[in-house]
PDB file of N, CA and C in Angstrom:
ATOM      1  N   MET A   1     124.545  19.595 -14.392  1.00  0.00           N
ATOM      2  CA  MET A   1     123.693  18.609 -15.031  1.00  0.00           C
ATOM      3  C   MET A   1     123.259  19.146 -16.396  1.00  0.00           C
ATOM      4  N   LYS A   2     123.305  18.271 -17.390  1.00  0.00           N
ATOM      5  CA  LYS A   2     122.880  18.669 -18.735  1.00  0.00           C
ATOM      6  C   LYS A   2     121.375  18.900 -18.751  1.00  0.00           C
ATOM      7  N   GLN A   3     120.971  19.947 -19.451  1.00  0.00           N
ATOM      8  CA  GLN A   3     119.546  20.215 -19.636  1.00  0.00           C
ATOM      9  C   GLN A   3     119.219  20.035 -21.114  1.00  0.00           C
ATOM     10  N   LEU A   4     118.293  19.128 -21.380  1.00  0.00           N
ATOM     11  CA  LEU A   4     117.859  18.852 -22.748  1.00  0.00           C
ATOM     12  C   LEU A   4     116.496  19.476 -22.953  1.00  0.00           C
ATOM     13  N   SER A   5     116.379  20.393 -23.898  1.00  0.00           N
ATOM     14  CA  SER A   5     115.112  21.070 -24.152  1.00  0.00           C
ATOM     15  C   SER A   5     114.344  20.346 -25.239  1.00  0.00           C
ATOM     16  N   VAL A   6     113.066  20.082 -24.953  1.00  0.00           N
ATOM     17  CA  VAL A   6     112.195  19.403 -25.905  1.00  0.00           C
ATOM     18  C   VAL A   6     110.919  20.235 -26.051  1.00  0.00           C
ATOM     19  N   ASP A   7     110.677  20.728 -27.258  1.00  0.00           N
ATOM     20  CA  ASP A   7     109.465  21.492 -27.542  1.00  0.00           C
ATOM     21  C   ASP A   7     108.494  20.583 -28.292  1.00  0.00           C
ATOM     22  N   VAL A   8     107.386  20.249 -27.652  1.00  0.00           N
ATOM     23  CA  VAL A   8     106.415  19.327 -28.257  1.00  0.00           C
ATOM     24  C   VAL A   8     105.220  20.056 -28.865  1.00  0.00           C
ATOM     25  N   SER A   9     105.275  21.379 -28.928  1.00  0.00           N
ATOM     26  CA  SER A   9     104.126  22.169 -29.362  1.00  0.00           C
ATOM     27  C   SER A   9     103.682  21.878 -30.796  1.00  0.00           C
ATOM     28  N   GLN A  10     104.575  21.403 -31.636  1.00  0.00           N
ATOM     29  CA  GLN A  10     104.223  21.132 -33.031  1.00  0.00           C
ATOM     30  C   GLN A  10     103.906  19.663 -33.291  1.00  0.00           C
ATOM     31  N   CYS A  11     103.951  18.850 -32.265  1.00  0.00           N
ATOM     32  CA  CYS A  11     103.715  17.409 -32.419  1.00  0.00           C
ATOM     33  C   CYS A  11     102.227  17.117 -32.569  1.00  0.00           C
ATOM     34  N   ILE A  12     101.915  16.337 -33.592  1.00  0.00           N
ATOM     35  CA  ILE A  12     100.534  15.928 -33.840  1.00  0.00           C
ATOM     36  C   ILE A  12     100.415  14.413 -33.756  1.00  0.00           C
ATOM     37  N   THR A  13     101.483  13.716 -34.133  1.00  0.00           N
ATOM     38  CA  THR A  13     101.463  12.256 -34.137  1.00  0.00           C
ATOM     39  C   THR A  13     102.425  11.708 -33.080  1.00  0.00           C
ATOM     40  N   VAL A  14     102.226  10.464 -32.719  1.00  0.00           N
ATOM     41  CA  VAL A  14     103.118   9.799 -31.770  1.00  0.00           C
ATOM     42  C   VAL A  14     104.530   9.738 -32.335  1.00  0.00           C
ATOM     43  N   ASP A  15     104.666   9.500 -33.636  1.00  0.00           N
ATOM     44  CA  ASP A  15     105.984   9.432 -34.252  1.00  0.00           C
ATOM     45  C   ASP A  15     106.717  10.771 -34.118  1.00  0.00           C
ATOM     46  N   GLU A  16     106.018  11.875 -34.334  1.00  0.00           N
ATOM     47  CA  GLU A  16     106.643  13.191 -34.166  1.00  0.00           C
ATOM     48  C   GLU A  16     107.064  13.405 -32.709  1.00  0.00           C
ATOM     49  N   PHE A  17     106.219  12.964 -31.799  1.00  0.00           N
ATOM     50  CA  PHE A  17     106.491  13.081 -30.376  1.00  0.00           C
ATOM     51  C   PHE A  17     107.776  12.343 -30.011  1.00  0.00           C
ATOM     52  N   TYR A  18     107.878  11.105 -30.447  1.00  0.00           N
ATOM     53  CA  TYR A  18     109.103  10.340 -30.187  1.00  0.00           C
ATOM     54  C   TYR A  18     110.302  10.987 -30.872  1.00  0.00           C
ATOM     55  N   SER A  19     110.113  11.490 -32.072  1.00  0.00           N
ATOM     56  CA  SER A  19     111.232  12.094 -32.812  1.00  0.00           C
ATOM     57  C   SER A  19     111.872  13.238 -32.049  1.00  0.00           C
ATOM     58  N   VAL A  20     111.061  14.130 -31.453  1.00  0.00           N
ATOM     59  CA  VAL A  20     111.659  15.266 -30.740  1.00  0.00           C
ATOM     60  C   VAL A  20     112.392  14.797 -29.484  1.00  0.00           C
ATOM     61  N   PHE A  21     111.842  13.796 -28.795  1.00  0.00           N
ATOM     62  CA  PHE A  21     112.523  13.262 -27.613  1.00  0.00           C
ATOM     63  C   PHE A  21     113.818  12.559 -27.996  1.00  0.00           C
ATOM     64  N   LEU A  22     113.755  11.707 -28.993  1.00  0.00           N
ATOM     65  CA  LEU A  22     114.932  10.928 -29.375  1.00  0.00           C
ATOM     66  C   LEU A  22     116.031  11.813 -29.944  1.00  0.00           C
ATOM     67  N   ARG A  23     115.645  12.883 -30.630  1.00  0.00           N
ATOM     68  CA  ARG A  23     116.641  13.830 -31.140  1.00  0.00           C
ATOM     69  C   ARG A  23     117.362  14.487 -29.959  1.00  0.00           C
ATOM     70  N   ALA A  24     116.626  14.866 -28.915  1.00  0.00           N
ATOM     71  CA  ALA A  24     117.244  15.500 -27.739  1.00  0.00           C
ATOM     72  C   ALA A  24     118.193  14.542 -27.023  1.00  0.00           C
ATOM     73  N   LEU A  25     117.815  13.260 -26.983  1.00  0.00           N
ATOM     74  CA  LEU A  25     118.663  12.252 -26.334  1.00  0.00           C
ATOM     75  C   LEU A  25     119.814  11.797 -27.233  1.00  0.00           C
ATOM     76  N   ARG A  26     119.803  12.269 -28.469  1.00  0.00           N
ATOM     77  CA  ARG A  26     120.770  11.859 -29.487  1.00  0.00           C
ATOM     78  C   ARG A  26     120.800  10.331 -29.577  1.00  0.00           C
ATOM     79  N   ALA A  27     119.592   9.801 -29.730  1.00  0.00           N
ATOM     80  CA  ALA A  27     119.413   8.354 -29.869  1.00  0.00           C
ATOM     81  C   ALA A  27     119.827   7.918 -31.273  1.00  0.00           C
ATOM     82  N   PRO A  28     120.194   6.658 -31.425  1.00  0.00           N
ATOM     83  CA  PRO A  28     120.568   6.161 -32.755  1.00  0.00           C
ATOM     84  C   PRO A  28     119.345   6.137 -33.686  1.00  0.00           C
ATOM     85  N   GLU A  29     119.597   6.216 -34.971  1.00  0.00           N
ATOM     86  CA  GLU A  29     118.508   6.242 -35.960  1.00  0.00           C
ATOM     87  C   GLU A  29     117.607   5.024 -35.880  1.00  0.00           C
ATOM     88  N   TRP A  30     118.132   3.886 -35.471  1.00  0.00           N
ATOM     89  CA  TRP A  30     117.367   2.647 -35.435  1.00  0.00           C
ATOM     90  C   TRP A  30     116.512   2.510 -34.178  1.00  0.00           C
ATOM     91  N   HIS A  31     116.539   3.520 -33.304  1.00  0.00           N
ATOM     92  CA  HIS A  31     115.810   3.469 -32.032  1.00  0.00           C
ATOM     93  C   HIS A  31     114.310   3.268 -32.279  1.00  0.00           C
ATOM     94  N   GLY A  32     113.708   2.372 -31.533  1.00  0.00           N
ATOM     95  CA  GLY A  32     112.274   2.122 -31.631  1.00  0.00           C
ATOM     96  C   GLY A  32     111.456   3.276 -31.082  1.00  0.00           C
ATOM     97  N   ARG A  33     110.216   3.342 -31.504  1.00  0.00           N
ATOM     98  CA  ARG A  33     109.318   4.404 -31.064  1.00  0.00           C
ATOM     99  C   ARG A  33     108.193   3.802 -30.223  1.00  0.00           C
ATOM    100  N   ASN A  34     108.606   3.338 -29.047  1.00  0.00           N
ATOM    101  CA  ASN A  34     107.654   2.795 -28.078  1.00  0.00           C
ATOM    102  C   ASN A  34     108.294   2.889 -26.695  1.00  0.00           C
ATOM    103  N   LEU A  35     107.474   2.682 -25.673  1.00  0.00           N
ATOM    104  CA  LEU A  35     107.964   2.842 -24.303  1.00  0.00           C
ATOM    105  C   LEU A  35     109.022   1.817 -23.928  1.00  0.00           C
ATOM    106  N   ASN A  36     108.910   0.607 -24.445  1.00  0.00           N
ATOM    107  CA  ASN A  36     109.928  -0.413 -24.143  1.00  0.00           C
ATOM    108  C   ASN A  36     111.295   0.007 -24.680  1.00  0.00           C
ATOM    109  N   ALA A  37     111.324   0.518 -25.897  1.00  0.00           N
ATOM    110  CA  ALA A  37     112.588   0.972 -26.484  1.00  0.00           C
ATOM    111  C   ALA A  37     113.134   2.181 -25.724  1.00  0.00           C
ATOM    112  N   LEU A  38     112.246   3.094 -25.328  1.00  0.00           N
ATOM    113  CA  LEU A  38     112.696   4.255 -24.565  1.00  0.00           C
ATOM    114  C   LEU A  38     113.267   3.825 -23.215  1.00  0.00           C
ATOM    115  N   TRP A  39     112.620   2.865 -22.570  1.00  0.00           N
ATOM    116  CA  TRP A  39     113.130   2.319 -21.299  1.00  0.00           C
ATOM    117  C   TRP A  39     114.552   1.788 -21.498  1.00  0.00           C
ATOM    118  N   ASP A  40     114.721   0.977 -22.528  1.00  0.00           N
ATOM    119  CA  ASP A  40     116.041   0.399 -22.791  1.00  0.00           C
ATOM    120  C   ASP A  40     117.095   1.477 -22.984  1.00  0.00           C
ATOM    121  N   SER A  41     116.738   2.552 -23.674  1.00  0.00           N
ATOM    122  CA  SER A  41     117.757   3.551 -23.972  1.00  0.00           C
ATOM    123  C   SER A  41     118.063   4.467 -22.794  1.00  0.00           C
ATOM    124  N   ILE A  42     117.067   4.780 -21.955  1.00  0.00           N
ATOM    125  CA  ILE A  42     117.376   5.676 -20.832  1.00  0.00           C
ATOM    126  C   ILE A  42     118.001   4.928 -19.661  1.00  0.00           C
ATOM    127  N   THR A  43     117.894   3.602 -19.647  1.00  0.00           N
ATOM    128  CA  THR A  43     118.501   2.829 -18.556  1.00  0.00           C
ATOM    129  C   THR A  43     119.787   2.133 -18.995  1.00  0.00           C
ATOM    130  N   SER A  44     120.280   2.458 -20.185  1.00  0.00           N
ATOM    131  CA  SER A  44     121.528   1.878 -20.669  1.00  0.00           C
ATOM    132  C   SER A  44     122.352   2.976 -21.335  1.00  0.00           C
ATOM    133  N   ASP A  45     123.316   2.583 -22.130  1.00  0.00           N
ATOM    134  CA  ASP A  45     124.184   3.576 -22.781  1.00  0.00           C
ATOM    135  C   ASP A  45     123.985   3.610 -24.293  1.00  0.00           C
ATOM    136  N   ILE A  46     122.761   3.422 -24.733  1.00  0.00           N
ATOM    137  CA  ILE A  46     122.457   3.419 -26.175  1.00  0.00           C
ATOM    138  C   ILE A  46     122.577   4.819 -26.774  1.00  0.00           C
ATOM    139  N   ASN A  47     122.126   5.832 -26.032  1.00  0.00           N
ATOM    140  CA  ASN A  47     122.100   7.204 -26.552  1.00  0.00           C
ATOM    141  C   ASN A  47     123.455   7.881 -26.396  1.00  0.00           C
ATOM    142  N   ASP A  48     123.663   8.923 -27.190  1.00  0.00           N
ATOM    143  CA  ASP A  48     124.887   9.710 -27.049  1.00  0.00           C
ATOM    144  C   ASP A  48     124.847  10.595 -25.807  1.00  0.00           C
ATOM    145  N   VAL A  49     123.661  10.953 -25.330  1.00  0.00           N
ATOM    146  CA  VAL A  49     123.525  11.714 -24.090  1.00  0.00           C
ATOM    147  C   VAL A  49     123.423  10.712 -22.947  1.00  0.00           C
ATOM    148  N   VAL A  50     124.302  10.874 -21.977  1.00  0.00           N
ATOM    149  CA  VAL A  50     124.321   9.957 -20.829  1.00  0.00           C
ATOM    150  C   VAL A  50     124.036  10.753 -19.553  1.00  0.00           C
ATOM    151  N   PRO A  51     123.494  10.095 -18.533  1.00  0.00           N
ATOM    152  CA  PRO A  51     123.205  10.769 -17.266  1.00  0.00           C
ATOM    153  C   PRO A  51     124.477  11.347 -16.660  1.00  0.00           C
ATOM    154  N   PRO A  52     124.342  12.386 -15.887  1.00  0.00           N
ATOM    155  CA  PRO A  52     123.095  12.992 -15.425  1.00  0.00           C
ATOM    156  C   PRO A  52     122.544  13.984 -16.452  1.00  0.00           C
ATOM    157  N   TYR A  53     121.211  14.031 -16.543  1.00  0.00           N
ATOM    158  CA  TYR A  53     120.547  15.015 -17.389  1.00  0.00           C
ATOM    159  C   TYR A  53     119.103  15.193 -16.938  1.00  0.00           C
ATOM    160  N   VAL A  54     118.565  16.337 -17.349  1.00  0.00           N
ATOM    161  CA  VAL A  54     117.157  16.622 -17.132  1.00  0.00           C
ATOM    162  C   VAL A  54     116.562  16.999 -18.493  1.00  0.00           C
ATOM    163  N   VAL A  55     115.435  16.418 -18.807  1.00  0.00           N
ATOM    164  CA  VAL A  55     114.704  16.749 -20.030  1.00  0.00           C
ATOM    165  C   VAL A  55     113.619  17.747 -19.635  1.00  0.00           C
ATOM    166  N   VAL A  56     113.667  18.941 -20.221  1.00  0.00           N
ATOM    167  CA  VAL A  56     112.685  19.976 -19.929  1.00  0.00           C
ATOM    168  C   VAL A  56     111.762  20.096 -21.136  1.00  0.00           C
ATOM    169  N   VAL A  57     110.493  19.768 -20.908  1.00  0.00           N
ATOM    170  CA  VAL A  57     109.509  19.726 -21.983  1.00  0.00           C
ATOM    171  C   VAL A  57     108.682  21.008 -21.965  1.00  0.00           C
ATOM    172  N   SER A  58     108.626  21.662 -23.115  1.00  0.00           N
ATOM    173  CA  SER A  58     107.770  22.842 -23.267  1.00  0.00           C
ATOM    174  C   SER A  58     106.756  22.571 -24.374  1.00  0.00           C
ATOM    175  N   GLY A  59     105.722  23.382 -24.411  1.00  0.00           N
ATOM    176  CA  GLY A  59     104.720  23.274 -25.475  1.00  0.00           C
ATOM    177  C   GLY A  59     103.658  22.224 -25.243  1.00  0.00           C
ATOM    178  N   SER A  60     103.584  21.673 -24.047  1.00  0.00           N
ATOM    179  CA  SER A  60     102.644  20.583 -23.795  1.00  0.00           C
ATOM    180  C   SER A  60     101.188  21.034 -23.841  1.00  0.00           C
ATOM    181  N   GLY A  61     100.940  22.308 -23.642  1.00  0.00           N
ATOM    182  CA  GLY A  61      99.571  22.821 -23.701  1.00  0.00           C
ATOM    183  C   GLY A  61      98.948  22.695 -25.074  1.00  0.00           C
ATOM    184  N   ALA A  62      99.765  22.572 -26.112  1.00  0.00           N
ATOM    185  CA  ALA A  62      99.266  22.461 -27.483  1.00  0.00           C
ATOM    186  C   ALA A  62      99.057  21.017 -27.925  1.00  0.00           C
ATOM    187  N   LEU A  63      99.378  20.047 -27.060  1.00  0.00           N
ATOM    188  CA  LEU A  63      99.300  18.643 -27.462  1.00  0.00           C
ATOM    189  C   LEU A  63      97.857  18.155 -27.566  1.00  0.00           C
ATOM    190  N   PRO A  64      97.578  17.344 -28.589  1.00  0.00           N
ATOM    191  CA  PRO A  64      96.278  16.661 -28.632  1.00  0.00           C
ATOM    192  C   PRO A  64      96.173  15.725 -27.428  1.00  0.00           C
ATOM    193  N   GLY A  65      94.953  15.361 -27.052  1.00  0.00           N
ATOM    194  CA  GLY A  65      94.718  14.534 -25.874  1.00  0.00           C
ATOM    195  C   GLY A  65      95.516  13.249 -25.841  1.00  0.00           C
ATOM    196  N   SER A  66      95.607  12.567 -26.972  1.00  0.00           N
ATOM    197  CA  SER A  66      96.334  11.295 -26.998  1.00  0.00           C
ATOM    198  C   SER A  66      97.814  11.492 -26.697  1.00  0.00           C
ATOM    199  N   LEU A  67      98.377  12.600 -27.130  1.00  0.00           N
ATOM    200  CA  LEU A  67      99.793  12.856 -26.861  1.00  0.00           C
ATOM    201  C   LEU A  67     100.009  13.360 -25.438  1.00  0.00           C
ATOM    202  N   SER A  68      98.996  13.986 -24.860  1.00  0.00           N
ATOM    203  CA  SER A  68      99.092  14.357 -23.442  1.00  0.00           C
ATOM    204  C   SER A  68      99.239  13.097 -22.599  1.00  0.00           C
ATOM    205  N   GLY A  69      98.502  12.065 -22.960  1.00  0.00           N
ATOM    206  CA  GLY A  69      98.615  10.782 -22.273  1.00  0.00           C
ATOM    207  C   GLY A  69      99.989  10.167 -22.463  1.00  0.00           C
ATOM    208  N   GLU A  70     100.532  10.307 -23.656  1.00  0.00           N
ATOM    209  CA  GLU A  70     101.869   9.772 -23.932  1.00  0.00           C
ATOM    210  C   GLU A  70     102.916  10.510 -23.095  1.00  0.00           C
ATOM    211  N   LEU A  71     102.774  11.806 -22.965  1.00  0.00           N
ATOM    212  CA  LEU A  71     103.700  12.582 -22.146  1.00  0.00           C
ATOM    213  C   LEU A  71     103.638  12.111 -20.692  1.00  0.00           C
ATOM    214  N   LYS A  72     102.458  11.849 -20.183  1.00  0.00           N
ATOM    215  CA  LYS A  72     102.312  11.331 -18.824  1.00  0.00           C
ATOM    216  C   LYS A  72     103.011   9.978 -18.690  1.00  0.00           C
ATOM    217  N   ARG A  73     102.883   9.128 -19.699  1.00  0.00           N
ATOM    218  CA  ARG A  73     103.567   7.832 -19.673  1.00  0.00           C
ATOM    219  C   ARG A  73     105.087   8.025 -19.676  1.00  0.00           C
ATOM    220  N   PHE A  74     105.587   9.031 -20.415  1.00  0.00           N
ATOM    221  CA  PHE A  74     107.017   9.331 -20.406  1.00  0.00           C
ATOM    222  C   PHE A  74     107.448   9.757 -19.000  1.00  0.00           C
ATOM    223  N   GLN A  75     106.670  10.630 -18.368  1.00  0.00           N
ATOM    224  CA  GLN A  75     107.003  11.080 -17.014  1.00  0.00           C
ATOM    225  C   GLN A  75     107.065   9.896 -16.059  1.00  0.00           C
ATOM    226  N   ASP A  76     106.085   9.029 -16.151  1.00  0.00           N
ATOM    227  CA  ASP A  76     106.051   7.845 -15.285  1.00  0.00           C
ATOM    228  C   ASP A  76     107.249   6.937 -15.547  1.00  0.00           C
ATOM    229  N   LEU A  77     107.628   6.789 -16.824  1.00  0.00           N
ATOM    230  CA  LEU A  77     108.755   5.940 -17.193  1.00  0.00           C
ATOM    231  C   LEU A  77     110.055   6.477 -16.612  1.00  0.00           C
ATOM    232  N   PHE A  78     110.265   7.784 -16.714  1.00  0.00           N
ATOM    233  CA  PHE A  78     111.471   8.397 -16.158  1.00  0.00           C
ATOM    234  C   PHE A  78     111.504   8.226 -14.643  1.00  0.00           C
ATOM    235  N   ALA A  79     110.361   8.431 -13.982  1.00  0.00           N
ATOM    236  CA  ALA A  79     110.298   8.267 -12.527  1.00  0.00           C
ATOM    237  C   ALA A  79     110.601   6.825 -12.136  1.00  0.00           C
ATOM    238  N   GLU A  80     110.047   5.879 -12.866  1.00  0.00           N
ATOM    239  CA  GLU A  80     110.299   4.470 -12.575  1.00  0.00           C
ATOM    240  C   GLU A  80     111.760   4.103 -12.807  1.00  0.00           C
ATOM    241  N   ALA A  81     112.365   4.678 -13.828  1.00  0.00           N
ATOM    242  CA  ALA A  81     113.771   4.383 -14.143  1.00  0.00           C
ATOM    243  C   ALA A  81     114.699   4.840 -13.021  1.00  0.00           C
ATOM    244  N   ARG A  82     114.322   5.890 -12.300  1.00  0.00           N
ATOM    245  CA  ARG A  82     115.152   6.392 -11.197  1.00  0.00           C
ATOM    246  C   ARG A  82     115.031   5.531  -9.949  1.00  0.00           C
ATOM    247  N   GLN A  83     113.914   4.881  -9.775  1.00  0.00           N
ATOM    248  CA  GLN A  83     113.666   4.111  -8.554  1.00  0.00           C
ATOM    249  C   GLN A  83     114.594   2.905  -8.471  1.00  0.00           C
ATOM    250  N   GLY A  84     115.305   2.802  -7.361  1.00  0.00           N
ATOM    251  CA  GLY A  84     116.158   1.654  -7.120  1.00  0.00           C
ATOM    252  C   GLY A  84     117.389   1.590  -7.996  1.00  0.00           C
ATOM    253  N   ARG A  85     117.702   2.675  -8.689  1.00  0.00           N
ATOM    254  CA  ARG A  85     118.882   2.710  -9.555  1.00  0.00           C
ATOM    255  C   ARG A  85     119.705   3.950  -9.230  1.00  0.00           C
ATOM    256  N   ASP A  86     120.948   3.896  -9.540  1.00  0.00           N
ATOM    257  CA  ASP A  86     121.803   5.068  -9.423  1.00  0.00           C
ATOM    258  C   ASP A  86     121.765   5.777 -10.781  1.00  0.00           C
ATOM    259  N   LEU A  87     120.595   6.312 -11.102  1.00  0.00           N
ATOM    260  CA  LEU A  87     120.355   6.903 -12.419  1.00  0.00           C
ATOM    261  C   LEU A  87     119.835   8.318 -12.216  1.00  0.00           C
ATOM    262  N   ASP A  88     120.647   9.298 -12.554  1.00  0.00           N
ATOM    263  CA  ASP A  88     120.305  10.697 -12.328  1.00  0.00           C
ATOM    264  C   ASP A  88     119.724  11.301 -13.602  1.00  0.00           C
ATOM    265  N   ILE A  89     118.433  11.016 -13.834  1.00  0.00           N
ATOM    266  CA  ILE A  89     117.714  11.576 -14.972  1.00  0.00           C
ATOM    267  C   ILE A  89     116.374  12.106 -14.467  1.00  0.00           C
ATOM    268  N   SER A  90     115.879  13.129 -15.122  1.00  0.00           N
ATOM    269  CA  SER A  90     114.579  13.700 -14.765  1.00  0.00           C
ATOM    270  C   SER A  90     113.889  14.176 -16.024  1.00  0.00           C
ATOM    271  N   LEU A  91     112.569  14.241 -15.950  1.00  0.00           N
ATOM    272  CA  LEU A  91     111.765  14.819 -17.017  1.00  0.00           C
ATOM    273  C   LEU A  91     110.829  15.814 -16.360  1.00  0.00           C
ATOM    274  N   ILE A  92     110.941  17.071 -16.755  1.00  0.00           N
ATOM    275  CA  ILE A  92     110.143  18.158 -16.193  1.00  0.00           C
ATOM    276  C   ILE A  92     109.304  18.770 -17.301  1.00  0.00           C
ATOM    277  N   VAL A  93     108.025  18.919 -17.032  1.00  0.00           N
ATOM    278  CA  VAL A  93     107.128  19.568 -17.984  1.00  0.00           C
ATOM    279  C   VAL A  93     106.871  20.957 -17.474  1.00  0.00           C
ATOM    280  N   THR A  94     107.225  21.962 -18.278  1.00  0.00           N
ATOM    281  CA  THR A  94     106.978  23.345 -17.878  1.00  0.00           C
ATOM    282  C   THR A  94     105.483  23.632 -18.042  1.00  0.00           C
ATOM    283  N   ARG A  95     104.947  24.421 -17.169  1.00  0.00           N
ATOM    284  CA  ARG A  95     103.510  24.719 -17.196  1.00  0.00           C
ATOM    285  C   ARG A  95     103.229  26.114 -17.741  1.00  0.00           C
ATOM    286  N   ALA A  96     104.223  26.765 -18.331  1.00  0.00           N
ATOM    287  CA  ALA A  96     104.053  28.113 -18.866  1.00  0.00           C
ATOM    288  C   ALA A  96     103.550  28.100 -20.298  1.00  0.00           C
ATOM    289  N   ASP A  97     102.953  26.992 -20.736  1.00  0.00           N
ATOM    290  CA  ASP A  97     102.488  26.883 -22.128  1.00  0.00           C
ATOM    291  C   ASP A  97     101.188  27.631 -22.312  1.00  0.00           C
TER     292      ASP A  97
END
């Protein structure tokens, strides 16, 4: 399974947060920066990275509170995308930050 590493330790804005995730997924430049767009891309073949894969997030301890909430929403989105689908994707947040 492909492992995609995402370091969010330098993210201050939501746009930066999406940028590091979308870069790891090798999403197209026109990709939206919201949960609906992320849903569309992880449940279809928009990105150059296709399942199976696991996104391993590091640096979450340095995130501002608002981005911590966004990371939780990403985790929930990935979990929901797996439910009832033959979609082998995961998002893991390392706690060694």
